[in-house]
N, C-alpha and C. Protein backbone atom coordinates (compact mmCIF):
# COMPACT_ATOMS: atom_id res chain seq x y z
N MET A 1 79.34 72.57 7.62
CA MET A 1 78.16 71.84 7.14
C MET A 1 78.61 70.50 6.58
N SER A 2 77.92 69.42 6.95
CA SER A 2 78.27 68.09 6.49
C SER A 2 77.93 67.94 5.01
N ALA A 3 78.50 66.90 4.40
CA ALA A 3 78.26 66.66 2.97
C ALA A 3 76.78 66.46 2.67
N PRO A 4 76.03 65.63 3.45
CA PRO A 4 74.59 65.49 3.17
C PRO A 4 73.84 66.82 3.29
N SER A 5 74.22 67.62 4.27
CA SER A 5 73.56 68.92 4.45
C SER A 5 73.82 69.83 3.26
N ARG A 6 75.07 69.80 2.78
CA ARG A 6 75.40 70.63 1.61
C ARG A 6 74.61 70.18 0.39
N ARG A 7 74.47 68.85 0.23
CA ARG A 7 73.70 68.34 -0.91
C ARG A 7 72.24 68.76 -0.80
N GLN A 8 71.70 68.69 0.42
CA GLN A 8 70.31 69.09 0.62
C GLN A 8 70.13 70.58 0.34
N ASP A 9 71.09 71.37 0.79
CA ASP A 9 71.01 72.82 0.55
C ASP A 9 71.08 73.12 -0.95
N ALA A 10 71.98 72.43 -1.65
CA ALA A 10 72.12 72.64 -3.09
C ALA A 10 70.86 72.23 -3.83
N GLU A 11 70.27 71.11 -3.40
CA GLU A 11 69.03 70.64 -4.04
C GLU A 11 67.89 71.61 -3.79
N ALA A 12 67.81 72.13 -2.57
CA ALA A 12 66.75 73.10 -2.24
C ALA A 12 66.90 74.36 -3.07
N ARG A 13 68.13 74.83 -3.21
CA ARG A 13 68.37 76.03 -4.04
C ARG A 13 68.02 75.76 -5.50
N LEU A 14 68.34 74.56 -5.98
CA LEU A 14 68.03 74.22 -7.36
C LEU A 14 66.52 74.18 -7.59
N GLN A 15 65.79 73.59 -6.66
CA GLN A 15 64.34 73.52 -6.81
C GLN A 15 63.71 74.91 -6.76
N GLU A 16 64.21 75.75 -5.87
CA GLU A 16 63.67 77.11 -5.78
C GLU A 16 64.05 77.90 -7.03
N ALA A 17 65.25 77.68 -7.54
CA ALA A 17 65.66 78.35 -8.77
C ALA A 17 64.78 77.93 -9.93
N ALA A 18 64.45 76.65 -10.00
CA ALA A 18 63.57 76.17 -11.06
C ALA A 18 62.18 76.80 -10.94
N ARG A 19 61.69 76.89 -9.72
CA ARG A 19 60.36 77.49 -9.51
C ARG A 19 60.37 78.96 -9.95
N VAL A 20 61.41 79.69 -9.55
CA VAL A 20 61.50 81.10 -9.91
C VAL A 20 61.67 81.26 -11.41
N ALA A 21 62.50 80.42 -12.03
CA ALA A 21 62.72 80.51 -13.47
C ALA A 21 61.40 80.31 -14.23
N ILE A 22 60.63 79.32 -13.82
CA ILE A 22 59.34 79.06 -14.48
C ILE A 22 58.37 80.22 -14.24
N ALA A 23 58.32 80.70 -13.01
CA ALA A 23 57.41 81.80 -12.69
C ALA A 23 57.76 83.06 -13.48
N ARG A 24 59.05 83.31 -13.65
CA ARG A 24 59.45 84.50 -14.40
C ARG A 24 59.21 84.31 -15.89
N GLU A 25 59.46 83.10 -16.40
CA GLU A 25 59.18 82.85 -17.81
C GLU A 25 57.69 82.98 -18.11
N ASP A 26 56.86 82.53 -17.19
CA ASP A 26 55.41 82.61 -17.36
C ASP A 26 54.84 83.96 -16.95
N ARG A 27 55.73 84.85 -16.47
CA ARG A 27 55.36 86.20 -16.01
C ARG A 27 54.36 86.16 -14.84
N ALA A 28 54.47 85.11 -14.05
CA ALA A 28 53.71 85.05 -12.81
C ALA A 28 54.44 85.79 -11.70
N GLU A 29 55.75 85.94 -11.84
CA GLU A 29 56.56 86.72 -10.91
C GLU A 29 57.48 87.63 -11.71
N SER A 30 57.92 88.70 -11.08
CA SER A 30 58.80 89.67 -11.75
C SER A 30 60.12 89.80 -10.99
N PRO A 31 61.20 90.10 -11.69
CA PRO A 31 62.47 90.36 -11.02
C PRO A 31 62.36 91.57 -10.11
N ARG A 32 63.18 91.62 -9.09
CA ARG A 32 63.18 92.77 -8.18
C ARG A 32 63.95 93.92 -8.83
N GLY A 33 63.33 95.09 -8.89
CA GLY A 33 63.98 96.24 -9.49
C GLY A 33 63.09 97.45 -9.47
N GLU A 34 63.51 98.49 -10.14
CA GLU A 34 62.76 99.74 -10.16
C GLU A 34 63.04 100.51 -11.45
N TRP A 35 62.14 101.46 -11.73
CA TRP A 35 62.32 102.35 -12.87
C TRP A 35 63.02 103.62 -12.39
N ARG A 36 64.07 103.99 -13.13
CA ARG A 36 64.77 105.26 -12.87
C ARG A 36 64.99 105.96 -14.19
N ASP A 37 64.54 107.19 -14.28
CA ASP A 37 64.69 107.96 -15.52
C ASP A 37 64.13 107.19 -16.71
N ARG A 38 63.00 106.52 -16.47
CA ARG A 38 62.27 105.80 -17.50
C ARG A 38 62.98 104.55 -17.99
N LEU A 39 64.00 104.08 -17.24
CA LEU A 39 64.72 102.85 -17.57
C LEU A 39 64.63 101.91 -16.37
N TRP A 40 64.54 100.59 -16.64
CA TRP A 40 64.41 99.60 -15.55
C TRP A 40 65.79 99.10 -15.13
N TYR A 41 66.02 99.08 -13.80
CA TYR A 41 67.28 98.59 -13.24
C TYR A 41 66.98 97.57 -12.14
N PRO A 42 67.78 96.50 -12.06
CA PRO A 42 67.57 95.51 -11.00
C PRO A 42 67.97 96.03 -9.63
N ALA A 43 67.31 95.51 -8.60
CA ALA A 43 67.67 95.85 -7.23
C ALA A 43 69.06 95.29 -6.92
N ALA A 44 69.65 95.78 -5.84
CA ALA A 44 71.01 95.37 -5.50
C ALA A 44 71.12 93.86 -5.30
N ASP A 45 70.09 93.25 -4.66
CA ASP A 45 70.15 91.81 -4.42
C ASP A 45 69.72 91.00 -5.64
N GLU A 46 69.29 91.67 -6.70
CA GLU A 46 68.90 91.00 -7.95
C GLU A 46 70.06 91.01 -8.95
N ARG A 47 70.83 92.09 -8.93
CA ARG A 47 71.90 92.26 -9.92
C ARG A 47 72.99 91.20 -9.72
N GLN A 48 73.42 90.61 -10.84
CA GLN A 48 74.48 89.61 -10.84
C GLN A 48 75.54 90.01 -11.85
N ALA A 49 76.63 89.25 -11.87
CA ALA A 49 77.72 89.57 -12.78
C ALA A 49 77.26 89.55 -14.23
N CYS A 50 76.29 88.70 -14.54
CA CYS A 50 75.82 88.58 -15.92
C CYS A 50 75.09 89.84 -16.39
N CYS A 51 74.71 90.71 -15.46
CA CYS A 51 73.99 91.93 -15.82
C CYS A 51 74.93 93.04 -16.28
N ALA A 52 76.23 92.88 -16.02
CA ALA A 52 77.18 93.98 -16.19
C ALA A 52 77.25 94.50 -17.61
N ASN A 53 77.10 93.62 -18.60
CA ASN A 53 77.26 94.02 -19.99
C ASN A 53 75.95 94.43 -20.66
N ILE A 54 74.90 94.57 -19.88
CA ILE A 54 73.59 94.93 -20.44
C ILE A 54 73.22 96.31 -19.95
N THR A 55 72.92 97.20 -20.87
CA THR A 55 72.59 98.58 -20.54
C THR A 55 71.26 98.94 -21.19
N PRO A 56 70.25 99.31 -20.39
CA PRO A 56 68.97 99.73 -20.98
C PRO A 56 69.13 101.03 -21.74
N THR A 57 68.36 101.20 -22.79
CA THR A 57 68.42 102.40 -23.61
C THR A 57 67.01 102.92 -23.86
N GLU A 58 66.92 104.06 -24.52
CA GLU A 58 65.62 104.60 -24.89
C GLU A 58 64.87 103.63 -25.78
N VAL A 59 65.59 102.88 -26.61
CA VAL A 59 64.96 101.94 -27.53
C VAL A 59 64.54 100.67 -26.80
N ASN A 60 65.34 100.23 -25.84
CA ASN A 60 65.05 98.99 -25.09
C ASN A 60 65.13 99.31 -23.61
N ARG A 61 64.08 99.87 -23.07
CA ARG A 61 64.07 100.35 -21.69
C ARG A 61 64.09 99.21 -20.67
N GLN A 62 63.58 98.02 -21.07
CA GLN A 62 63.49 96.90 -20.14
C GLN A 62 64.50 95.81 -20.47
N ALA A 63 65.62 96.20 -21.05
CA ALA A 63 66.64 95.20 -21.42
C ALA A 63 67.07 94.37 -20.21
N LEU A 64 67.31 95.04 -19.09
CA LEU A 64 67.75 94.32 -17.90
C LEU A 64 66.62 93.50 -17.28
N GLU A 65 65.40 94.02 -17.35
CA GLU A 65 64.26 93.28 -16.80
C GLU A 65 64.07 91.98 -17.57
N SER A 66 64.18 92.05 -18.90
CA SER A 66 64.06 90.85 -19.73
C SER A 66 65.19 89.87 -19.43
N HIS A 67 66.40 90.40 -19.27
CA HIS A 67 67.54 89.53 -18.95
C HIS A 67 67.33 88.82 -17.62
N CYS A 68 66.79 89.53 -16.63
CA CYS A 68 66.61 88.94 -15.30
C CYS A 68 65.56 87.84 -15.27
N ARG A 69 64.85 87.66 -16.38
CA ARG A 69 63.89 86.56 -16.47
C ARG A 69 64.51 85.31 -17.10
N THR A 70 65.73 85.42 -17.58
CA THR A 70 66.36 84.29 -18.26
C THR A 70 66.89 83.27 -17.25
N ARG A 71 67.02 82.05 -17.71
CA ARG A 71 67.54 81.00 -16.84
C ARG A 71 69.00 81.24 -16.50
N ALA A 72 69.74 81.84 -17.43
CA ALA A 72 71.16 82.13 -17.15
C ALA A 72 71.28 83.07 -15.95
N HIS A 73 70.40 84.07 -15.89
CA HIS A 73 70.45 85.00 -14.76
C HIS A 73 69.99 84.31 -13.48
N VAL A 74 68.91 83.56 -13.55
CA VAL A 74 68.38 82.90 -12.36
C VAL A 74 69.41 81.91 -11.81
N ALA A 75 70.14 81.25 -12.69
CA ALA A 75 71.18 80.31 -12.24
C ALA A 75 72.23 81.04 -11.41
N GLN A 76 72.65 82.22 -11.85
CA GLN A 76 73.61 82.99 -11.05
C GLN A 76 72.97 83.52 -9.78
N LEU A 77 71.69 83.91 -9.87
CA LEU A 77 71.00 84.44 -8.70
C LEU A 77 70.97 83.43 -7.55
N PHE A 78 70.79 82.16 -7.90
CA PHE A 78 70.70 81.12 -6.86
C PHE A 78 71.98 80.30 -6.76
N ASP A 79 73.01 80.69 -7.53
CA ASP A 79 74.30 80.01 -7.47
C ASP A 79 74.14 78.50 -7.74
N VAL A 80 73.48 78.21 -8.86
CA VAL A 80 73.33 76.81 -9.28
C VAL A 80 73.84 76.69 -10.72
N PRO A 81 74.33 75.51 -11.12
CA PRO A 81 74.80 75.33 -12.50
C PRO A 81 73.65 75.52 -13.49
N LEU A 82 73.93 76.22 -14.57
CA LEU A 82 72.88 76.51 -15.55
C LEU A 82 72.33 75.23 -16.16
N LEU A 83 73.18 74.28 -16.47
CA LEU A 83 72.73 73.02 -17.07
C LEU A 83 71.77 72.29 -16.13
N GLU A 84 72.12 72.26 -14.84
CA GLU A 84 71.24 71.59 -13.87
C GLU A 84 69.91 72.32 -13.74
N LEU A 85 69.95 73.64 -13.82
CA LEU A 85 68.71 74.41 -13.74
C LEU A 85 67.82 74.11 -14.95
N ARG A 86 68.42 74.07 -16.11
CA ARG A 86 67.64 73.75 -17.31
C ARG A 86 66.96 72.39 -17.18
N ARG A 87 67.70 71.42 -16.66
CA ARG A 87 67.13 70.08 -16.47
C ARG A 87 66.01 70.10 -15.44
N ALA A 88 66.21 70.86 -14.37
CA ALA A 88 65.20 70.94 -13.31
C ALA A 88 63.93 71.61 -13.83
N VAL A 89 64.09 72.64 -14.63
CA VAL A 89 62.93 73.31 -15.22
C VAL A 89 62.18 72.35 -16.14
N LYS A 90 62.93 71.62 -16.96
CA LYS A 90 62.30 70.66 -17.87
C LYS A 90 61.53 69.59 -17.11
N ARG A 91 62.15 69.07 -16.03
CA ARG A 91 61.46 68.06 -15.22
C ARG A 91 60.20 68.63 -14.59
N ALA A 92 60.30 69.86 -14.09
CA ALA A 92 59.15 70.47 -13.42
C ALA A 92 58.01 70.70 -14.40
N ARG A 93 58.35 71.14 -15.60
CA ARG A 93 57.30 71.39 -16.59
C ARG A 93 56.67 70.09 -17.07
N GLU A 94 57.49 69.06 -17.21
CA GLU A 94 56.96 67.77 -17.66
C GLU A 94 56.17 67.05 -16.58
N ALA A 95 56.46 67.36 -15.31
CA ALA A 95 55.81 66.65 -14.21
C ALA A 95 54.35 67.03 -14.06
N GLY A 96 54.02 68.29 -14.36
CA GLY A 96 52.64 68.74 -14.19
C GLY A 96 51.75 68.34 -15.34
N ASP A 97 50.46 68.39 -15.11
CA ASP A 97 49.46 68.12 -16.14
C ASP A 97 49.26 69.40 -16.95
N GLN A 98 49.43 69.33 -18.27
CA GLN A 98 49.39 70.53 -19.08
C GLN A 98 48.06 71.28 -18.98
N PRO A 99 46.89 70.63 -19.11
CA PRO A 99 45.64 71.38 -18.97
C PRO A 99 45.51 72.03 -17.60
N SER A 100 45.99 71.29 -16.56
CA SER A 100 45.90 71.85 -15.21
C SER A 100 46.77 73.09 -15.10
N ARG A 101 47.99 73.04 -15.66
CA ARG A 101 48.86 74.20 -15.60
C ARG A 101 48.26 75.37 -16.35
N GLN A 102 47.61 75.09 -17.48
CA GLN A 102 46.99 76.17 -18.24
C GLN A 102 45.86 76.80 -17.44
N GLY A 103 45.11 75.96 -16.73
CA GLY A 103 44.04 76.50 -15.90
C GLY A 103 44.57 77.35 -14.78
N GLN A 104 45.65 76.89 -14.15
CA GLN A 104 46.26 77.66 -13.08
C GLN A 104 46.78 79.00 -13.59
N ARG A 105 47.40 78.99 -14.77
CA ARG A 105 47.92 80.23 -15.33
C ARG A 105 46.78 81.20 -15.66
N PHE A 106 45.68 80.64 -16.19
CA PHE A 106 44.56 81.52 -16.52
C PHE A 106 43.96 82.13 -15.27
N ARG A 107 43.80 81.31 -14.21
CA ARG A 107 43.24 81.85 -12.98
C ARG A 107 44.16 82.92 -12.41
N LEU A 108 45.48 82.68 -12.47
CA LEU A 108 46.43 83.69 -11.97
C LEU A 108 46.35 84.95 -12.81
N LEU A 109 46.29 84.77 -14.14
CA LEU A 109 46.25 85.91 -15.04
C LEU A 109 45.01 86.75 -14.83
N SER A 110 43.87 86.09 -14.59
CA SER A 110 42.59 86.80 -14.52
C SER A 110 42.21 87.23 -13.11
N SER A 111 43.00 86.85 -12.12
CA SER A 111 42.65 87.18 -10.74
C SER A 111 42.90 88.65 -10.45
N PRO A 112 42.15 89.23 -9.49
CA PRO A 112 42.42 90.63 -9.10
C PRO A 112 43.86 90.76 -8.62
N GLY A 113 44.55 91.74 -9.13
CA GLY A 113 45.95 91.92 -8.79
C GLY A 113 46.88 90.98 -9.53
N GLY A 114 46.32 90.20 -10.48
CA GLY A 114 47.13 89.30 -11.28
C GLY A 114 47.95 90.05 -12.32
N PRO A 115 48.75 89.33 -13.11
CA PRO A 115 49.63 90.01 -14.08
C PRO A 115 48.91 90.92 -15.04
N ALA A 116 47.72 90.50 -15.54
CA ALA A 116 47.01 91.35 -16.51
C ALA A 116 46.59 92.66 -15.87
N GLU A 117 46.05 92.58 -14.65
CA GLU A 117 45.62 93.79 -13.96
C GLU A 117 46.82 94.65 -13.55
N THR A 118 47.88 93.99 -13.09
CA THR A 118 49.08 94.73 -12.70
C THR A 118 49.69 95.44 -13.90
N LEU A 119 49.77 94.73 -15.03
CA LEU A 119 50.32 95.34 -16.25
C LEU A 119 49.51 96.57 -16.64
N TYR A 120 48.18 96.46 -16.55
CA TYR A 120 47.33 97.59 -16.92
C TYR A 120 47.54 98.76 -15.97
N GLU A 121 47.57 98.50 -14.67
CA GLU A 121 47.72 99.58 -13.70
C GLU A 121 49.08 100.28 -13.83
N VAL A 122 50.13 99.48 -14.01
CA VAL A 122 51.45 100.06 -14.19
C VAL A 122 51.51 100.89 -15.47
N SER A 123 50.96 100.33 -16.55
CA SER A 123 50.95 101.04 -17.83
C SER A 123 50.15 102.33 -17.73
N ARG A 124 49.04 102.28 -17.00
CA ARG A 124 48.21 103.47 -16.86
C ARG A 124 48.97 104.56 -16.10
N GLY A 125 49.70 104.16 -15.06
CA GLY A 125 50.47 105.14 -14.31
C GLY A 125 51.58 105.77 -15.15
N VAL A 126 52.29 104.93 -15.91
CA VAL A 126 53.35 105.44 -16.77
C VAL A 126 52.76 106.32 -17.87
N HIS A 127 51.60 105.92 -18.38
CA HIS A 127 50.92 106.69 -19.42
C HIS A 127 50.56 108.08 -18.92
N GLY A 128 50.00 108.16 -17.72
CA GLY A 128 49.64 109.46 -17.16
C GLY A 128 50.86 110.34 -16.94
N ALA A 129 51.93 109.74 -16.44
CA ALA A 129 53.16 110.52 -16.21
C ALA A 129 53.75 111.00 -17.53
N ALA A 130 53.68 110.16 -18.57
CA ALA A 130 54.22 110.54 -19.87
C ALA A 130 53.43 111.71 -20.46
N LEU A 131 52.11 111.69 -20.30
CA LEU A 131 51.29 112.78 -20.82
C LEU A 131 51.58 114.09 -20.08
N ARG A 132 51.80 113.99 -18.79
CA ARG A 132 52.15 115.20 -18.04
C ARG A 132 53.49 115.76 -18.50
N GLU A 133 54.44 114.86 -18.74
CA GLU A 133 55.75 115.30 -19.23
C GLU A 133 55.62 115.94 -20.61
N LEU A 134 54.76 115.35 -21.45
CA LEU A 134 54.54 115.92 -22.78
C LEU A 134 53.94 117.32 -22.67
N GLY A 135 52.98 117.49 -21.77
CA GLY A 135 52.38 118.81 -21.57
C GLY A 135 53.41 119.83 -21.11
N ASP A 136 54.28 119.43 -20.21
CA ASP A 136 55.31 120.35 -19.72
C ASP A 136 56.26 120.78 -20.85
N GLU A 137 56.69 119.79 -21.65
CA GLU A 137 57.61 120.11 -22.75
C GLU A 137 56.92 120.98 -23.80
N ALA A 138 55.65 120.70 -24.08
CA ALA A 138 54.93 121.49 -25.07
C ALA A 138 54.78 122.94 -24.59
N ARG A 139 54.51 123.11 -23.30
CA ARG A 139 54.39 124.47 -22.77
C ARG A 139 55.73 125.20 -22.80
N ARG A 140 56.81 124.47 -22.52
CA ARG A 140 58.13 125.11 -22.58
C ARG A 140 58.44 125.54 -24.01
N PHE A 141 58.10 124.69 -24.96
CA PHE A 141 58.35 125.03 -26.36
C PHE A 141 57.49 126.22 -26.78
N ALA A 142 56.23 126.22 -26.33
CA ALA A 142 55.34 127.33 -26.66
C ALA A 142 55.88 128.65 -26.10
N GLY A 143 56.51 128.60 -24.94
CA GLY A 143 57.06 129.80 -24.34
C GLY A 143 58.24 130.36 -25.12
N ILE A 144 58.93 129.49 -25.87
CA ILE A 144 60.08 129.94 -26.65
C ILE A 144 59.64 130.56 -27.98
N LEU A 145 58.50 130.16 -28.50
CA LEU A 145 58.06 130.61 -29.82
C LEU A 145 57.97 132.13 -29.96
N PRO A 146 57.41 132.84 -28.98
CA PRO A 146 57.34 134.30 -29.15
C PRO A 146 58.72 134.94 -29.33
N ARG A 147 59.72 134.45 -28.55
CA ARG A 147 61.06 135.01 -28.69
C ARG A 147 61.66 134.65 -30.05
N LEU A 148 61.37 133.46 -30.53
CA LEU A 148 61.87 133.03 -31.82
C LEU A 148 61.25 133.87 -32.95
N ILE A 149 59.95 134.11 -32.82
CA ILE A 149 59.25 134.94 -33.83
C ILE A 149 59.80 136.36 -33.81
N SER A 150 60.01 136.88 -32.61
CA SER A 150 60.54 138.23 -32.49
C SER A 150 61.94 138.33 -33.09
N ALA A 151 62.77 137.32 -32.84
CA ALA A 151 64.12 137.32 -33.39
C ALA A 151 64.09 137.27 -34.91
N ALA A 152 63.15 136.50 -35.45
CA ALA A 152 63.03 136.39 -36.90
C ALA A 152 62.58 137.71 -37.51
N GLU A 153 61.75 138.44 -36.80
CA GLU A 153 61.21 139.70 -37.33
C GLU A 153 62.19 140.87 -37.18
N THR A 154 62.92 140.87 -36.05
CA THR A 154 63.79 142.02 -35.77
C THR A 154 65.26 141.75 -36.08
N GLY A 155 65.62 140.50 -36.15
CA GLY A 155 67.03 140.16 -36.38
C GLY A 155 67.87 140.27 -35.13
N GLU A 156 67.25 140.50 -33.98
CA GLU A 156 67.99 140.64 -32.72
C GLU A 156 67.88 139.35 -31.89
N GLY A 157 68.99 138.97 -31.27
CA GLY A 157 68.99 137.79 -30.40
C GLY A 157 68.77 136.49 -31.15
N VAL A 158 69.15 136.48 -32.44
CA VAL A 158 68.90 135.28 -33.26
C VAL A 158 69.68 134.06 -32.76
N PRO A 159 71.00 134.16 -32.49
CA PRO A 159 71.75 132.97 -32.05
C PRO A 159 71.16 132.35 -30.78
N GLU A 160 70.87 133.21 -29.79
CA GLU A 160 70.31 132.70 -28.53
C GLU A 160 68.96 132.05 -28.76
N SER A 161 68.13 132.68 -29.57
CA SER A 161 66.79 132.13 -29.83
C SER A 161 66.88 130.81 -30.57
N LEU A 162 67.77 130.73 -31.52
CA LEU A 162 67.94 129.48 -32.27
C LEU A 162 68.43 128.35 -31.37
N GLU A 163 69.38 128.69 -30.49
CA GLU A 163 69.93 127.67 -29.58
C GLU A 163 68.85 127.17 -28.63
N SER A 164 68.08 128.09 -28.07
CA SER A 164 67.01 127.70 -27.14
C SER A 164 65.95 126.87 -27.86
N ALA A 165 65.59 127.29 -29.07
CA ALA A 165 64.56 126.58 -29.83
C ALA A 165 65.03 125.18 -30.22
N THR A 166 66.30 125.08 -30.63
CA THR A 166 66.84 123.77 -31.03
C THR A 166 66.85 122.80 -29.85
N ALA A 167 67.31 123.27 -28.68
CA ALA A 167 67.34 122.41 -27.50
C ALA A 167 65.92 121.99 -27.10
N SER A 168 64.97 122.93 -27.19
CA SER A 168 63.59 122.62 -26.84
C SER A 168 62.99 121.62 -27.81
N ILE A 169 63.28 121.79 -29.10
CA ILE A 169 62.77 120.86 -30.11
C ILE A 169 63.33 119.47 -29.89
N ASP A 170 64.62 119.38 -29.55
CA ASP A 170 65.23 118.07 -29.28
C ASP A 170 64.54 117.38 -28.10
N ARG A 171 64.31 118.13 -27.03
CA ARG A 171 63.63 117.54 -25.86
C ARG A 171 62.21 117.14 -26.21
N LEU A 172 61.53 117.98 -26.98
CA LEU A 172 60.16 117.67 -27.35
C LEU A 172 60.10 116.44 -28.25
N ARG A 173 61.06 116.32 -29.16
CA ARG A 173 61.08 115.16 -30.05
C ARG A 173 61.30 113.87 -29.27
N LEU A 174 62.22 113.89 -28.30
CA LEU A 174 62.45 112.71 -27.46
C LEU A 174 61.21 112.36 -26.65
N THR A 175 60.57 113.40 -26.12
CA THR A 175 59.36 113.17 -25.32
C THR A 175 58.25 112.60 -26.18
N LEU A 176 58.11 113.10 -27.41
CA LEU A 176 57.09 112.58 -28.32
C LEU A 176 57.33 111.11 -28.63
N GLU A 177 58.59 110.74 -28.86
CA GLU A 177 58.91 109.34 -29.16
C GLU A 177 58.63 108.46 -27.95
N TYR A 178 59.00 108.96 -26.77
CA TYR A 178 58.71 108.21 -25.55
C TYR A 178 57.20 108.03 -25.37
N CYS A 179 56.44 109.10 -25.59
CA CYS A 179 54.98 109.02 -25.43
C CYS A 179 54.37 108.05 -26.45
N ARG A 180 54.94 108.01 -27.65
CA ARG A 180 54.44 107.08 -28.66
C ARG A 180 54.63 105.63 -28.19
N GLN A 181 55.78 105.35 -27.61
CA GLN A 181 56.04 104.01 -27.11
C GLN A 181 55.12 103.67 -25.93
N VAL A 182 54.97 104.65 -25.03
CA VAL A 182 54.10 104.43 -23.87
C VAL A 182 52.66 104.22 -24.30
N GLU A 183 52.22 104.98 -25.28
CA GLU A 183 50.84 104.85 -25.77
C GLU A 183 50.60 103.46 -26.35
N ALA A 184 51.58 102.95 -27.10
CA ALA A 184 51.44 101.61 -27.66
C ALA A 184 51.39 100.55 -26.56
N THR A 185 52.25 100.71 -25.55
CA THR A 185 52.25 99.77 -24.43
C THR A 185 50.94 99.83 -23.65
N TYR A 186 50.45 101.03 -23.44
CA TYR A 186 49.19 101.20 -22.70
C TYR A 186 48.03 100.59 -23.47
N ASP A 187 47.99 100.78 -24.78
CA ASP A 187 46.93 100.19 -25.60
C ASP A 187 47.00 98.66 -25.53
N ALA A 188 48.22 98.12 -25.58
CA ALA A 188 48.38 96.66 -25.53
C ALA A 188 47.94 96.12 -24.17
N ALA A 189 48.33 96.81 -23.09
CA ALA A 189 47.94 96.38 -21.74
C ALA A 189 46.43 96.43 -21.57
N ARG A 190 45.81 97.47 -22.10
CA ARG A 190 44.36 97.59 -22.01
C ARG A 190 43.67 96.48 -22.80
N ALA A 191 44.23 96.14 -23.98
CA ALA A 191 43.65 95.08 -24.79
C ALA A 191 43.77 93.73 -24.09
N VAL A 192 44.93 93.49 -23.45
CA VAL A 192 45.10 92.23 -22.71
C VAL A 192 44.09 92.15 -21.56
N ARG A 193 43.94 93.23 -20.85
CA ARG A 193 43.00 93.26 -19.72
C ARG A 193 41.58 92.98 -20.19
N GLU A 194 41.18 93.60 -21.29
CA GLU A 194 39.83 93.41 -21.81
C GLU A 194 39.62 91.99 -22.33
N THR A 195 40.66 91.44 -22.97
CA THR A 195 40.57 90.07 -23.47
C THR A 195 40.44 89.07 -22.34
N VAL A 196 41.26 89.26 -21.30
CA VAL A 196 41.19 88.37 -20.14
C VAL A 196 39.82 88.46 -19.47
N ALA A 197 39.29 89.67 -19.34
CA ALA A 197 37.97 89.84 -18.73
C ALA A 197 36.90 89.15 -19.56
N ALA A 198 37.00 89.25 -20.89
CA ALA A 198 36.03 88.60 -21.77
C ALA A 198 36.10 87.08 -21.66
N LEU A 199 37.33 86.55 -21.61
CA LEU A 199 37.50 85.11 -21.45
C LEU A 199 36.97 84.62 -20.12
N LEU A 200 37.18 85.41 -19.09
CA LEU A 200 36.68 85.05 -17.76
C LEU A 200 35.17 85.02 -17.75
N ASP A 201 34.54 85.98 -18.41
CA ASP A 201 33.08 86.00 -18.49
C ASP A 201 32.56 84.77 -19.23
N GLN A 202 33.25 84.40 -20.31
CA GLN A 202 32.84 83.22 -21.06
C GLN A 202 32.93 81.97 -20.21
N ARG A 203 33.99 81.87 -19.41
CA ARG A 203 34.15 80.69 -18.53
C ARG A 203 33.04 80.65 -17.49
N LYS A 204 32.72 81.81 -16.94
CA LYS A 204 31.65 81.85 -15.94
C LYS A 204 30.32 81.45 -16.54
N GLN A 205 30.05 81.91 -17.76
CA GLN A 205 28.78 81.59 -18.40
C GLN A 205 28.66 80.12 -18.77
N SER A 206 29.83 79.51 -19.12
CA SER A 206 29.79 78.10 -19.51
C SER A 206 29.90 77.15 -18.33
N ALA A 207 30.18 77.72 -17.14
CA ALA A 207 30.37 76.86 -15.96
C ALA A 207 29.03 76.30 -15.48
């Protein structure tokens, strides 16, 4: 590839990186990845060296998803210098008309299949799955209670009953904490969806 061609290719990658960085910061686009065991992981073509030291946990399930929205990650994703990407993002943001950009973001946010609707649908799906998991764990725990009561009354099979009950309680406690987090996220997503719908109605009425 000739020097001018390489420069053009580098510039094209930089411009696309800036576009992706802005879209991810504004949550108009999402990193490529999937949920596994209730934790978010980047797809193979999304993962970069900068992701290696980040591990999602029960407390921060979307640690990697949040990282993949950063300019540092996008710079590695498109193989462009981080400083140049920051400058390109700044130029791109300054180039547009602020009210126009706000209008575009609102239309994107409020459109069918937009981020607000997508967030709600995803949250609703996770919420339903979490409730089913809670029901399963509660039924498993309920099934252990008769044996635990019997062991307490007769003194037979106490170690086994205690071990089973303790393991079940630990699983139930983790599931309860997970459901609490999911419930909060679902409530927030529902509130965002309702707020966006209300704002859209106001715009239509004032138009």
